[in-house]
Amino acid sequence: MKILVTGGYGFIGSNFIRYFLSRYPGHSIINLDKLTYAGNPHNLDGILEGPNYQFVRGDIADPLVLSSIFEEKIDGVIHFAAESHVDRSIKDATEFIRTNVLGTYQLLKFSKHHKVGRFLHISTDEVYGELGDKGAFTEDSPIQPNSPYAASKASADMIVKSFFRTHRLPVIITRCSNNYGPYQFPEKLIPLMISQAIRKLPLPVYGDGRNVRDWIYVLDHCKALAQVFFEGKEGEVYNIGGDGERTNLQVVYEILDYLKKPRSLITFVKDRPGHDFRYAMDYTKIKNSLGWSPEVSFEEGIRKTIDWYLENHRWWESILAGTYQRV
C-alpha cells in the first residue's frame, strides 16, 4: 500500500512516520511537507529515501503539486499538515485558513478524483471548544471552536465529513488531546518549559496557570492513528485521549521538579485572549470498537520527554537560535 502522509516533517507527523515504517515495513510512504517554520528535516534523520519512503517538498493547497503526486497510485492519505499554534492564529489567521481549510479541500478533491481507498484526517480536541470543571468531550459533543486555529480545523472537519456524505469518499476523522514527546517544536508548552528550565530562564505561564488539558504521549497517538487507518469505520469520528489531565501549572511543576530547578523560575504573564479553560477527551468509542487505550502514563511520558530534550540539545538549540517565541 502506498500512503501519502502530509506534514511528515512536523512533530506528530515525523513521529508517526518513524513508528509506521518500523511497524509496517511492507507499506510505503510519500511525505509531502511544505517545510514551514515548524517542519524540520532533522525530525526524520536516519530515515533514508528508498522503496518505502519518499519526500516531496510542496504545499497541500497547490493543485500542481498534488497533481504530480496523485499521478502515482495513492492507496491512502493520512493528513497531518496544518498550521497549529493558537497564538499565531490570533495574530493573523490567513495561513491557517489557507492551509487548514483550502489545503484540506484540495487533498479531498484529488483523493476523490483518484479514488483513494482511505482518507484519515487528523483533527484536534480544540474544535469542541471548552468544558467546565467536569465531563469530557465525546464524538457527539457540539463543535464550538473558540480560536481562529480551532475554527479552521473545525471547518476542515466539516468539509471532510461532507465528502463522505456527498461523494462517499472513505474518510475517517480523529480528534486527539494535547500531544507531547520528542521533536515537538519549542514554542509549545512542554518543550518551551523544558528548554527554559534547562537554561535556568523564566518559564512564562499564562494567567494563573489553572487551565486544564488532557495530555497524551505522542507514540500512543501514533499507535491509535495506525489502528484507525487500518481498522476504523469509514465516515466515523474517533476521539483519542491520554488519561493525563493536568493544569498547566501542574505540568510546569513536574518539569521543574524532575530537573531539580526552583519553582521561582515561573513567571505569570497576561492570559491569552479567549483561552479555553479545560479540555478532556472521552475515548470510550475507540477503546470499545478497536481495543485501543493509552499505554504511557503522564508521569512516565514526561520523564521520557525531558530525557530526550536533555540528550538532544543540538536539535532544539539550533531552532531557538533563530525562532524562539513565547507560548
Protein backbone atom coordinates (compact mmCIF):
# COMPACT_ATOMS: atom_id res chain seq x y z
CA MET A 1 0.00 0.00 0.00
CA LYS A 2 1.31 3.46 -0.95
CA ILE A 3 0.29 6.13 1.57
CA LEU A 4 0.54 9.90 1.21
CA VAL A 5 1.39 11.47 4.57
CA THR A 6 1.07 15.26 4.68
CA GLY A 7 3.10 17.28 7.16
CA GLY A 8 5.50 14.43 7.80
CA TYR A 9 8.32 16.69 8.98
CA GLY A 10 6.16 18.14 11.76
CA PHE A 11 6.04 16.92 15.34
CA ILE A 12 3.30 14.30 15.18
CA GLY A 13 3.81 13.50 11.50
CA SER A 14 7.50 12.66 11.91
CA ASN A 15 6.84 10.51 14.97
CA PHE A 16 4.12 8.73 13.00
CA ILE A 17 6.38 8.04 10.02
CA ARG A 18 9.08 6.62 12.30
CA TYR A 19 6.54 4.38 14.03
CA PHE A 20 4.73 3.33 10.85
CA LEU A 21 7.83 2.39 8.86
CA SER A 22 9.14 0.30 11.76
CA ARG A 23 5.79 -1.37 12.44
CA TYR A 24 4.54 -1.82 8.87
CA PRO A 25 7.61 -2.30 6.64
CA GLY A 26 5.56 -3.73 3.80
CA HIS A 27 3.94 -0.36 3.05
CA SER A 28 5.47 2.79 1.55
CA ILE A 29 5.09 6.46 2.43
CA ILE A 30 5.27 9.65 0.40
CA ASN A 31 5.92 12.53 2.80
CA LEU A 32 4.53 15.82 1.46
CA ASP A 33 5.69 18.79 3.51
CA LYS A 34 5.99 22.50 2.74
CA LEU A 35 8.80 22.86 5.33
CA THR A 36 7.39 25.92 7.04
CA TYR A 37 8.98 27.15 10.27
CA ALA A 38 7.81 24.12 12.28
CA GLY A 39 8.74 21.49 9.70
CA ASN A 40 12.23 20.20 10.42
CA PRO A 41 14.05 17.72 8.15
CA HIS A 42 16.15 16.64 11.15
CA ASN A 43 12.97 15.15 12.64
CA LEU A 44 13.49 12.22 10.28
CA ASP A 45 17.25 11.86 10.49
CA GLY A 46 18.15 8.27 9.70
CA ILE A 47 15.08 7.68 7.51
CA LEU A 48 16.56 7.25 4.04
CA GLU A 49 14.70 7.66 0.77
CA GLY A 50 14.15 4.37 -1.00
CA PRO A 51 11.37 1.94 -1.91
CA ASN A 52 9.48 2.57 1.35
CA TYR A 53 9.97 6.32 1.79
CA GLN A 54 9.98 9.36 -0.47
CA PHE A 55 9.93 13.07 0.37
CA VAL A 56 8.22 15.72 -1.75
CA ARG A 57 8.53 19.36 -0.80
CA GLY A 58 5.32 21.18 -1.60
CA ASP A 59 2.14 22.90 -0.48
CA ILE A 60 -1.04 20.86 0.06
CA ALA A 61 -3.03 23.83 -1.26
CA ASP A 62 -1.15 23.79 -4.59
CA PRO A 63 -3.03 21.73 -7.23
CA LEU A 64 0.10 21.38 -9.38
CA VAL A 65 1.97 19.69 -6.53
CA LEU A 66 -0.91 17.36 -5.78
CA SER A 67 -1.41 16.54 -9.44
CA SER A 68 2.15 15.26 -9.77
CA ILE A 69 1.85 13.15 -6.61
CA PHE A 70 -1.53 11.63 -7.45
CA GLU A 71 -0.28 10.57 -10.88
CA GLU A 72 1.09 7.64 -8.93
CA LYS A 73 -1.38 5.19 -7.44
CA ILE A 74 -2.08 6.50 -3.93
CA ASP A 75 -3.93 3.96 -1.81
CA GLY A 76 -4.42 6.10 1.29
CA VAL A 77 -3.94 9.61 2.67
CA ILE A 78 -3.04 10.43 6.28
CA HIS A 79 -3.44 14.17 6.67
CA PHE A 80 -1.40 15.85 9.41
CA ALA A 81 -0.37 19.07 7.64
CA ALA A 82 -1.75 22.10 9.45
CA GLU A 83 -0.91 25.44 10.92
CA SER A 84 -1.43 24.68 14.59
CA HIS A 85 -0.30 27.38 17.03
CA VAL A 86 -3.19 29.27 18.66
CA ASP A 87 -1.20 32.44 19.37
CA ARG A 88 -0.11 32.73 15.75
CA SER A 89 -3.70 32.30 14.59
CA ILE A 90 -4.80 35.14 16.89
CA LYS A 91 -2.20 37.47 15.36
CA ASP A 92 -3.05 36.51 11.75
CA ALA A 93 -5.28 33.63 10.66
CA THR A 94 -4.59 33.92 6.93
CA GLU A 95 -2.25 30.92 6.65
CA PHE A 96 -4.48 28.89 8.96
CA ILE A 97 -7.42 29.34 6.60
CA ARG A 98 -5.29 28.65 3.52
CA THR A 99 -3.59 25.51 4.81
CA ASN A 100 -6.15 24.01 7.14
CA VAL A 101 -9.26 24.73 5.06
CA LEU A 102 -8.25 25.19 1.41
CA GLY A 103 -5.39 22.68 1.67
CA THR A 104 -7.69 20.04 3.13
CA TYR A 105 -10.24 20.68 0.38
CA GLN A 106 -7.61 20.24 -2.34
CA LEU A 107 -6.50 16.93 -0.83
CA LEU A 108 -10.08 15.71 -0.68
CA LYS A 109 -10.74 16.76 -4.27
CA PHE A 110 -7.71 14.87 -5.60
CA SER A 111 -8.45 11.87 -3.39
CA LYS A 112 -11.99 11.70 -4.77
CA HIS A 113 -10.85 12.04 -8.36
CA HIS A 114 -8.20 9.34 -7.99
CA LYS A 115 -10.45 7.01 -5.95
CA VAL A 116 -8.21 6.85 -2.87
CA GLY A 117 -9.21 3.93 -0.68
CA ARG A 118 -8.85 5.58 2.74
CA PHE A 119 -8.53 9.21 3.90
CA LEU A 120 -7.59 9.78 7.55
CA HIS A 121 -7.96 13.38 8.72
CA ILE A 122 -6.10 14.32 11.91
CA SER A 123 -8.07 16.91 13.87
CA THR A 124 -7.97 18.22 17.45
CA ASP A 125 -9.96 18.38 20.66
CA GLU A 126 -9.99 22.17 20.30
CA VAL A 127 -12.83 22.01 17.77
CA TYR A 128 -15.16 21.20 20.67
CA GLY A 129 -14.48 24.48 22.48
CA GLU A 130 -14.14 24.30 26.25
CA LEU A 131 -15.50 22.28 29.16
CA GLY A 132 -16.49 23.18 32.67
CA ASP A 133 -14.98 21.52 35.71
CA LYS A 134 -16.48 18.10 34.93
CA GLY A 135 -17.24 15.85 31.99
CA ALA A 136 -15.39 15.03 28.78
CA PHE A 137 -15.87 15.53 25.07
CA THR A 138 -17.48 12.66 23.18
CA GLU A 139 -17.73 12.29 19.42
CA ASP A 140 -21.27 13.67 19.69
CA SER A 141 -20.26 16.85 21.51
CA PRO A 142 -21.15 20.03 19.58
CA ILE A 143 -18.43 21.70 17.53
CA GLN A 144 -17.84 25.11 19.16
CA PRO A 145 -14.32 26.39 18.34
CA ASN A 146 -13.12 29.49 20.15
CA SER A 147 -9.85 30.43 18.43
CA PRO A 148 -9.11 31.09 14.75
CA TYR A 149 -6.93 27.95 14.76
CA ALA A 150 -9.71 25.79 16.20
CA ALA A 151 -12.23 27.33 13.79
CA SER A 152 -10.02 26.47 10.81
CA LYS A 153 -9.71 22.86 11.99
CA ALA A 154 -13.45 22.63 12.63
CA SER A 155 -14.06 23.94 9.11
CA ALA A 156 -11.75 21.27 7.72
CA ASP A 157 -13.62 18.60 9.70
CA MET A 158 -16.91 19.70 8.20
CA ILE A 159 -15.53 19.62 4.66
CA VAL A 160 -14.11 16.13 5.27
CA LYS A 161 -17.47 14.90 6.54
CA SER A 162 -19.23 16.46 3.55
CA PHE A 163 -17.05 14.47 1.14
CA PHE A 164 -18.18 11.28 2.86
CA ARG A 165 -21.86 12.16 2.79
CA THR A 166 -21.89 13.72 -0.67
CA HIS A 167 -19.21 11.80 -2.57
CA ARG A 168 -18.85 8.64 -0.43
CA LEU A 169 -15.13 9.27 -0.12
CA PRO A 170 -13.95 6.78 2.56
CA VAL A 171 -12.87 9.27 5.23
CA ILE A 172 -12.23 8.95 8.96
CA ILE A 173 -11.62 11.80 11.41
CA THR A 174 -9.63 11.56 14.63
CA ARG A 175 -9.63 14.22 17.34
CA CYS A 176 -6.86 13.99 19.88
CA SER A 177 -5.92 15.70 23.12
CA ASN A 178 -2.64 17.59 23.58
CA ASN A 179 0.42 15.67 22.38
CA TYR A 180 3.91 15.83 23.85
CA GLY A 181 7.16 13.97 23.26
CA PRO A 182 10.30 14.06 21.09
CA TYR A 183 10.65 16.52 18.18
CA GLN A 184 7.96 18.96 19.35
CA PHE A 185 8.65 22.50 18.17
CA PRO A 186 9.90 24.55 21.14
CA GLU A 187 7.14 27.18 21.02
CA LYS A 188 4.66 24.67 22.50
CA LEU A 189 4.12 24.49 26.27
CA ILE A 190 6.05 21.40 27.32
CA PRO A 191 9.20 21.77 25.16
CA LEU A 192 9.30 25.50 25.90
CA MET A 193 9.17 24.90 29.63
CA ILE A 194 11.80 22.16 29.40
CA SER A 195 14.22 24.25 27.35
CA GLN A 196 13.72 27.31 29.57
CA ALA A 197 14.22 25.30 32.75
CA ILE A 198 17.37 23.60 31.43
CA ARG A 199 18.84 27.05 30.76
CA LYS A 200 17.54 28.47 34.08
CA LEU A 201 15.44 31.06 32.25
CA PRO A 202 11.97 32.32 33.28
CA LEU A 203 9.07 30.00 32.50
CA PRO A 204 6.16 32.12 31.14
CA VAL A 205 2.79 30.75 32.27
CA TYR A 206 -0.47 32.25 31.04
CA GLY A 207 -2.87 33.73 33.60
CA ASP A 208 -2.89 31.78 36.88
CA GLY A 209 -1.82 28.51 35.23
CA ARG A 210 -5.05 26.72 36.11
CA ASN A 211 -6.19 25.93 32.56
CA VAL A 212 -6.58 22.17 32.20
CA ARG A 213 -5.50 19.95 29.31
CA ASP A 214 -5.52 16.21 28.73
CA TRP A 215 -2.02 15.12 27.66
CA ILE A 216 -1.08 12.12 25.52
CA TYR A 217 2.39 10.80 24.75
CA VAL A 218 2.89 11.11 21.01
CA LEU A 219 3.73 7.43 20.43
CA ASP A 220 0.39 6.42 21.95
CA HIS A 221 -1.30 8.76 19.50
CA CYS A 222 0.66 7.29 16.57
CA LYS A 223 -0.39 3.77 17.52
CA ALA A 224 -4.02 4.88 17.66
CA LEU A 225 -3.79 6.52 14.24
CA ALA A 226 -2.33 3.44 12.58
CA GLN A 227 -5.05 1.29 14.10
CA VAL A 228 -7.80 3.68 12.99
CA PHE A 229 -6.33 3.86 9.49
CA PHE A 230 -6.42 0.09 9.04
CA GLU A 231 -9.41 -0.89 11.19
CA GLY A 232 -11.59 2.20 11.68
CA LYS A 233 -15.05 2.51 10.18
CA GLU A 234 -15.47 4.86 7.24
CA GLY A 235 -17.38 8.06 7.97
CA GLU A 236 -16.73 7.86 11.71
CA VAL A 237 -15.04 10.20 14.20
CA TYR A 238 -12.77 8.77 16.91
CA ASN A 239 -11.69 10.71 19.98
CA ILE A 240 -8.20 9.88 21.25
CA GLY A 241 -7.31 10.76 24.84
CA GLY A 242 -4.38 10.20 27.15
CA ASP A 243 -5.80 9.95 30.70
CA GLY A 244 -3.39 12.77 31.51
CA GLU A 245 -5.42 15.72 32.76
CA ARG A 246 -3.23 18.38 34.35
CA THR A 247 -3.39 22.10 34.91
CA ASN A 248 -0.66 23.97 33.07
CA LEU A 249 0.86 24.80 36.44
CA GLN A 250 0.98 21.11 37.43
CA VAL A 251 2.80 20.33 34.18
CA VAL A 252 5.37 23.03 34.86
CA TYR A 253 5.85 21.84 38.44
CA GLU A 254 6.55 18.27 37.25
CA ILE A 255 9.13 19.53 34.75
CA LEU A 256 10.89 21.71 37.30
CA ASP A 257 10.87 19.01 39.97
CA TYR A 258 12.32 16.38 37.62
CA LEU A 259 15.07 18.78 36.53
CA LYS A 260 15.62 19.88 40.15
CA LYS A 261 15.05 23.52 39.23
CA PRO A 262 13.40 26.07 41.54
CA ARG A 263 9.73 26.92 41.10
CA SER A 264 10.74 30.55 41.45
CA LEU A 265 11.58 30.40 37.72
CA ILE A 266 7.84 30.53 36.96
CA THR A 267 6.67 33.92 35.66
CA PHE A 268 2.95 34.53 35.26
CA VAL A 269 2.09 36.53 32.14
CA LYS A 270 -1.06 38.09 30.68
CA ASP A 271 -3.53 35.43 29.65
CA ARG A 272 -4.15 34.51 26.02
CA PRO A 273 -7.32 36.06 24.50
CA GLY A 274 -10.20 33.57 24.50
CA HIS A 275 -8.13 30.99 26.40
CA ASP A 276 -10.29 27.84 26.78
CA PHE A 277 -10.40 26.72 30.40
CA ARG A 278 -10.46 22.95 30.08
CA TYR A 279 -10.37 20.11 27.54
CA ALA A 280 -10.86 16.42 28.31
CA MET A 281 -11.46 13.52 25.93
CA ASP A 282 -13.74 10.51 26.33
CA TYR A 283 -12.10 7.78 24.24
CA THR A 284 -14.64 5.06 25.06
CA LYS A 285 -15.55 4.62 21.40
CA ILE A 286 -12.06 3.76 20.15
CA LYS A 287 -11.44 1.62 23.22
CA ASN A 288 -14.60 -0.44 22.77
CA SER A 289 -14.56 -0.69 18.98
CA LEU A 290 -10.83 -1.05 18.26
CA GLY A 291 -9.34 -2.05 21.61
CA TRP A 292 -7.01 0.95 21.83
CA SER A 293 -6.03 2.62 25.12
CA PRO A 294 -3.08 4.83 26.01
CA GLU A 295 -0.12 2.87 27.37
CA VAL A 296 2.19 5.63 28.65
CA SER A 297 1.19 7.49 31.82
CA PHE A 298 1.90 11.19 32.02
CA GLU A 299 4.45 10.59 34.78
CA GLU A 300 6.39 8.16 32.58
CA GLY A 301 5.93 10.16 29.40
CA ILE A 302 7.11 13.48 30.80
CA ARG A 303 10.26 11.83 32.14
CA LYS A 304 10.96 10.24 28.76
CA THR A 305 10.35 13.59 27.07
CA ILE A 306 12.61 15.57 29.39
CA ASP A 307 15.35 12.98 28.98
CA TRP A 308 15.05 13.27 25.20
CA TYR A 309 15.48 17.05 25.31
CA LEU A 310 18.44 16.67 27.67
CA GLU A 311 20.05 14.26 25.21
CA ASN A 312 19.26 16.34 22.11
CA HIS A 313 20.45 19.85 22.94
CA ARG A 314 21.66 20.45 19.39
CA TRP A 315 18.20 19.81 17.91
CA TRP A 316 16.29 22.36 19.98
CA GLU A 317 19.10 24.86 20.49
CA SER A 318 19.51 25.26 16.72
CA ILE A 319 15.80 26.06 16.48
CA LEU A 320 15.76 28.51 19.37
CA ALA A 321 18.76 30.34 17.98
CA GLY A 322 16.55 31.84 15.28
CA THR A 323 12.90 31.23 16.11
CA TYR A 324 12.38 31.43 19.87
CA GLN A 325 8.87 32.58 20.79
CA ARG A 326 6.87 32.52 23.97
CA VAL A 327 3.87 30.17 24.10
